[in-house]
C-alpha atoms as a PDB file:
ATOM      1  CA  MET A   1      -7.970  15.205  12.220  1.00  0.00           C
ATOM      2  CA  VAL A   2     -11.191  13.846  13.672  1.00  0.00           C
ATOM      3  CA  THR A   3     -12.840  10.996  11.810  1.00  0.00           C
ATOM      4  CA  SER A   4     -16.507  10.143  11.900  1.00  0.00           C
ATOM      5  CA  LYS A   5     -17.966   6.663  12.367  1.00  0.00           C
ATOM      6  CA  ARG A   6     -18.786   6.602   8.663  1.00  0.00           C
ATOM      7  CA  GLN A   7     -15.211   7.506   7.724  1.00  0.00           C
ATOM      8  CA  ARG A   8     -13.811   4.840  10.048  1.00  0.00           C
ATOM      9  CA  PHE A   9     -16.187   2.282   8.529  1.00  0.00           C
ATOM     10  CA  TRP A  10     -14.967   3.041   4.996  1.00  0.00           C
ATOM     11  CA  GLU A  11     -11.334   3.140   6.148  1.00  0.00           C
ATOM     12  CA  ARG A  12     -11.754  -0.372   7.546  1.00  0.00           C
ATOM     13  CA  ILE A  13     -13.479  -1.622   4.400  1.00  0.00           C
ATOM     14  CA  TRP A  14     -10.639  -0.198   2.313  1.00  0.00           C
ATOM     15  CA  ALA A  15      -7.953  -1.674   4.593  1.00  0.00           C
ATOM     16  CA  SER A  16      -9.720  -5.050   4.568  1.00  0.00           C
ATOM     17  CA  SER A  17      -9.853  -5.080   0.779  1.00  0.00           C
ATOM     18  CA  ILE A  18      -6.111  -4.467   0.677  1.00  0.00           C
ATOM     19  CA  LEU A  19      -5.697  -7.593   2.802  1.00  0.00           C
ATOM     20  CA  LEU A  20      -7.139  -9.563  -0.133  1.00  0.00           C
ATOM     21  CA  TYR A  21      -4.263  -8.281  -2.256  1.00  0.00           C
ATOM     22  CA  THR A  22      -1.917  -9.533   0.470  1.00  0.00           C
ATOM     23  CA  ILE A  23      -3.256 -13.068   0.123  1.00  0.00           C
ATOM     24  CA  ALA A  24      -2.741 -13.008  -3.646  1.00  0.00           C
ATOM     25  CA  ALA A  25       0.736 -11.508  -3.303  1.00  0.00           C
ATOM     26  CA  THR A  26       1.708 -14.131  -0.730  1.00  0.00           C
ATOM     27  CA  PHE A  27       0.624 -16.909  -3.069  1.00  0.00           C
ATOM     28  CA  ILE A  28       2.736 -15.427  -5.863  1.00  0.00           C
ATOM     29  CA  VAL A  29       5.729 -15.037  -3.539  1.00  0.00           C
ATOM     30  CA  TRP A  30       5.343 -18.632  -2.341  1.00  0.00           C
ATOM     31  CA  ARG A  31       5.109 -20.041  -5.897  1.00  0.00           C
ATOM     32  CA  THR A  32       7.882 -17.972  -7.443  1.00  0.00           C
ATOM     33  CA  LEU A  33      10.319 -16.703  -4.827  1.00  0.00           C
ATOM     34  CA  SER A  34      10.488 -19.369  -2.126  1.00  0.00           C
ATOM     35  CA  LYS A  35      13.177 -21.183  -4.133  1.00  0.00           C
ATOM     36  CA  TYR A  36      15.355 -18.068  -3.732  1.00  0.00           C
ATOM     37  CA  GLY A  37      15.060 -17.960   0.052  1.00  0.00           C
ATOM     38  CA  VAL A  38      12.063 -15.665   0.445  1.00  0.00           C
ATOM     39  CA  ASN A  39       9.970 -16.974   3.332  1.00  0.00           C
ATOM     40  CA  SER A  40       6.345 -16.629   2.229  1.00  0.00           C
ATOM     41  CA  ILE A  41       5.047 -16.774   5.817  1.00  0.00           C
ATOM     42  CA  ALA A  42       7.344 -13.937   6.885  1.00  0.00           C
ATOM     43  CA  PHE A  43       6.278 -12.012   3.794  1.00  0.00           C
ATOM     44  CA  PHE A  44       2.603 -12.609   4.632  1.00  0.00           C
ATOM     45  CA  VAL A  45       3.027 -11.381   8.213  1.00  0.00           C
ATOM     46  CA  ILE A  46       4.905  -8.256   7.107  1.00  0.00           C
ATOM     47  CA  ASP A  47       2.459  -7.559   4.290  1.00  0.00           C
ATOM     48  CA  ALA A  48      -0.645  -8.212   6.422  1.00  0.00           C
ATOM     49  CA  VAL A  49       0.496  -5.837   9.155  1.00  0.00           C
ATOM     50  CA  THR A  50       1.615  -3.147   6.745  1.00  0.00           C
ATOM     51  CA  SER A  51      -1.389  -3.501   4.441  1.00  0.00           C
ATOM     52  CA  TRP A  52      -3.751  -2.586   7.263  1.00  0.00           C
ATOM     53  CA  THR A  53      -1.587   0.435   8.058  1.00  0.00           C
ATOM     54  CA  TYR A  54      -1.422   1.257   4.353  1.00  0.00           C
ATOM     55  CA  GLY A  55      -5.202   1.109   3.974  1.00  0.00           C
ATOM     56  CA  ILE A  56      -5.887   3.363   6.943  1.00  0.00           C
ATOM     57  CA  SER A  57      -3.119   5.819   6.073  1.00  0.00           C
ATOM     58  CA  THR A  58      -4.118   6.183   2.403  1.00  0.00           C
ATOM     59  CA  ALA A  59      -7.742   6.792   3.375  1.00  0.00           C
ATOM     60  CA  ARG A  60      -6.704   9.433   5.897  1.00  0.00           C
ATOM     61  CA  LEU A  61      -4.222  10.931   3.448  1.00  0.00           C
ATOM     62  CA  LEU A  62      -7.010  11.360   0.927  1.00  0.00           C
ATOM     63  CA  LEU A  63      -9.253  13.078   3.466  1.00  0.00           C
ATOM     64  CA  ALA A  64      -6.439  15.339   4.679  1.00  0.00           C
ATOM     65  CA  VAL A  65      -5.601  16.450   1.141  1.00  0.00           C
ATOM     66  CA  ILE A  66      -9.265  17.100   0.336  1.00  0.00           C
ATOM     67  CA  LYS A  67      -9.579  19.182   3.513  1.00  0.00           C
ATOM     68  CA  LYS A  68      -6.257  20.914   2.694  1.00  0.00           C
ATOM     69  CA  GLU A  69      -4.722  19.827   5.986  1.00  0.00           C
ATOM     70  CA  TRP A  70      -1.186  19.708   4.614  1.00  0.00           C
ATOM     71  CA  LYS A  71       0.647  18.987   7.860  1.00  0.00           C
ATOM     72  CA  VAL A  72      -1.636  16.030   8.564  1.00  0.00           C
ATOM     73  CA  SER A  73      -1.388  14.839   4.956  1.00  0.00           C
ATOM     74  CA  ARG A  74       2.416  14.682   5.152  1.00  0.00           C
ATOM     75  CA  LYS A  75       2.205  12.425   8.212  1.00  0.00           C
ATOM     76  CA  TRP A  76      -0.203  10.038   6.469  1.00  0.00           C
ATOM     77  CA  ALA A  77       1.833  10.135   3.247  1.00  0.00           C
ATOM     78  CA  TRP A  78       4.918   8.941   5.135  1.00  0.00           C
ATOM     79  CA  ALA A  79       2.930   6.197   6.873  1.00  0.00           C
ATOM     80  CA  ALA A  80       1.476   5.069   3.535  1.00  0.00           C
ATOM     81  CA  ALA A  81       4.856   5.103   1.804  1.00  0.00           C
ATOM     82  CA  LEU A  82       6.614   3.129   4.533  1.00  0.00           C
ATOM     83  CA  SER A  83       3.865   0.554   4.847  1.00  0.00           C
ATOM     84  CA  PHE A  84       3.780   0.171   1.073  1.00  0.00           C
ATOM     85  CA  ILE A  85       7.499  -0.369   0.597  1.00  0.00           C
ATOM     86  CA  LEU A  86       8.369  -2.632   3.562  1.00  0.00           C
ATOM     87  CA  PRO A  87       7.057  -5.941   2.117  1.00  0.00           C
ATOM     88  CA  GLN A  88       8.871  -5.329  -1.163  1.00  0.00           C
ATOM     89  CA  LEU A  89      12.060  -4.429   0.682  1.00  0.00           C
ATOM     90  CA  TYR A  90      11.783  -7.721   2.558  1.00  0.00           C
ATOM     91  CA  ILE A  91      11.762  -9.540  -0.777  1.00  0.00           C
ATOM     92  CA  LEU A  92      14.791  -7.621  -2.042  1.00  0.00           C
ATOM     93  CA  VAL A  93      16.739  -8.242   1.171  1.00  0.00           C
ATOM     94  CA  SER A  94      15.828 -11.892   1.710  1.00  0.00           C
ATOM     95  CA  ALA A  95      16.147 -13.209  -1.852  1.00  0.00           C
ATOM     96  CA  ARG A  96      19.411 -15.070  -2.242  1.00  0.00           C
ATOM     97  CA  HIS A  97      21.001 -16.133  -5.486  1.00  0.00           C
ATOM     98  CA  ALA A  98      18.026 -14.903  -7.455  1.00  0.00           C
ATOM     99  CA  PRO A  99      18.460 -14.055 -11.102  1.00  0.00           C
ATOM    100  CA  LYS A 100      18.818 -10.396 -11.919  1.00  0.00           C
ATOM    101  CA  SER A 101      15.380 -10.531 -13.542  1.00  0.00           C
ATOM    102  CA  VAL A 102      13.752 -11.219 -10.143  1.00  0.00           C
ATOM    103  CA  TYR A 103      15.157  -7.987  -8.723  1.00  0.00           C
ATOM    104  CA  ILE A 104      14.117  -6.073 -11.829  1.00  0.00           C
ATOM    105  CA  ILE A 105      10.578  -7.486 -11.606  1.00  0.00           C
ATOM    106  CA  VAL A 106      10.276  -6.549  -7.913  1.00  0.00           C
ATOM    107  CA  LEU A 107      11.502  -3.025  -8.656  1.00  0.00           C
ATOM    108  CA  CYS A 108       9.025  -2.796 -11.551  1.00  0.00           C
ATOM    109  CA  VAL A 109       6.220  -3.930  -9.252  1.00  0.00           C
ATOM    110  CA  ILE A 110       7.189  -1.206  -6.781  1.00  0.00           C
ATOM    111  CA  ALA A 111       7.290   1.412  -9.543  1.00  0.00           C
ATOM    112  CA  GLY A 112       4.060   0.217 -11.158  1.00  0.00           C
ATOM    113  CA  LEU A 113       2.111   0.102  -7.922  1.00  0.00           C
ATOM    114  CA  THR A 114       3.486   3.507  -6.938  1.00  0.00           C
ATOM    115  CA  LEU A 115       2.230   5.000 -10.198  1.00  0.00           C
ATOM    116  CA  PHE A 116      -1.118   3.232  -9.832  1.00  0.00           C
ATOM    117  CA  VAL A 117      -1.595   4.415  -6.252  1.00  0.00           C
ATOM    118  CA  GLY A 118      -0.497   7.956  -7.053  1.00  0.00           C
ATOM    119  CA  GLY A 119      -2.789   8.149 -10.071  1.00  0.00           C
ATOM    120  CA  SER A 120      -5.714   6.656  -8.177  1.00  0.00           C
ATOM    121  CA  LEU A 121      -5.205   9.100  -5.334  1.00  0.00           C
ATOM    122  CA  LEU A 122      -5.114  12.070  -7.715  1.00  0.00           C
ATOM    123  CA  LEU A 123      -8.263  10.899  -9.517  1.00  0.00           C
ATOM    124  CA  GLN A 124     -10.086  10.429  -6.224  1.00  0.00           C
ATOM    125  CA  ILE A 125      -9.034  13.888  -5.019  1.00  0.00           C
ATOM    126  CA  ARG A 126     -10.255  15.493  -8.261  1.00  0.00           C
ATOM    127  CA  LYS A 127     -13.525  13.559  -8.134  1.00  0.00           C
ATOM    128  CA  THR A 128     -14.139  14.528  -4.511  1.00  0.00           C
ATOM    129  CA  ARG A 129     -13.256  18.185  -5.106  1.00  0.00           C
ATOM    130  CA  LYS A 130     -15.684  18.358  -8.049  1.00  0.00           C
ATOM    131  CA  SER A 131     -18.505  16.847  -5.999  1.00  0.00           C
ATOM    132  CA  THR A 132     -17.888  19.219  -3.059  1.00  0.00           C
ATOM    133  CA  THR A 133     -17.795  22.334  -5.253  1.00  0.00           C
ATOM    134  CA  ALA A 134     -20.871  21.412  -7.311  1.00  0.00           C
END
């Protein structure tokens, strides 16, 4: 899949905006989970690296689905899924002696964000398809 300069520009804007979420998430991890052994700096590094990958892969996934390039879309879907889940897996693996509620909250965050991302992606695909057919 060949991307234009305009597409790359918007991919980078999208990926950069996701980095803002990373800063907020790191602050929350530092304030709430550091007492359970979660290293907020390690979380930040993992989340910063994967959030850039997540931003680029979700943008390319959207374009591939719109263009009906299913083989390409599967590749970007896997990249998006892995980059999305790795920071949360780090929390689940590194938290020690945390109350059960912490694990439930992290799993709910994963589920909630998955639903949000999936819904947003579907809405964007529908919106783009309507504008290209009109």
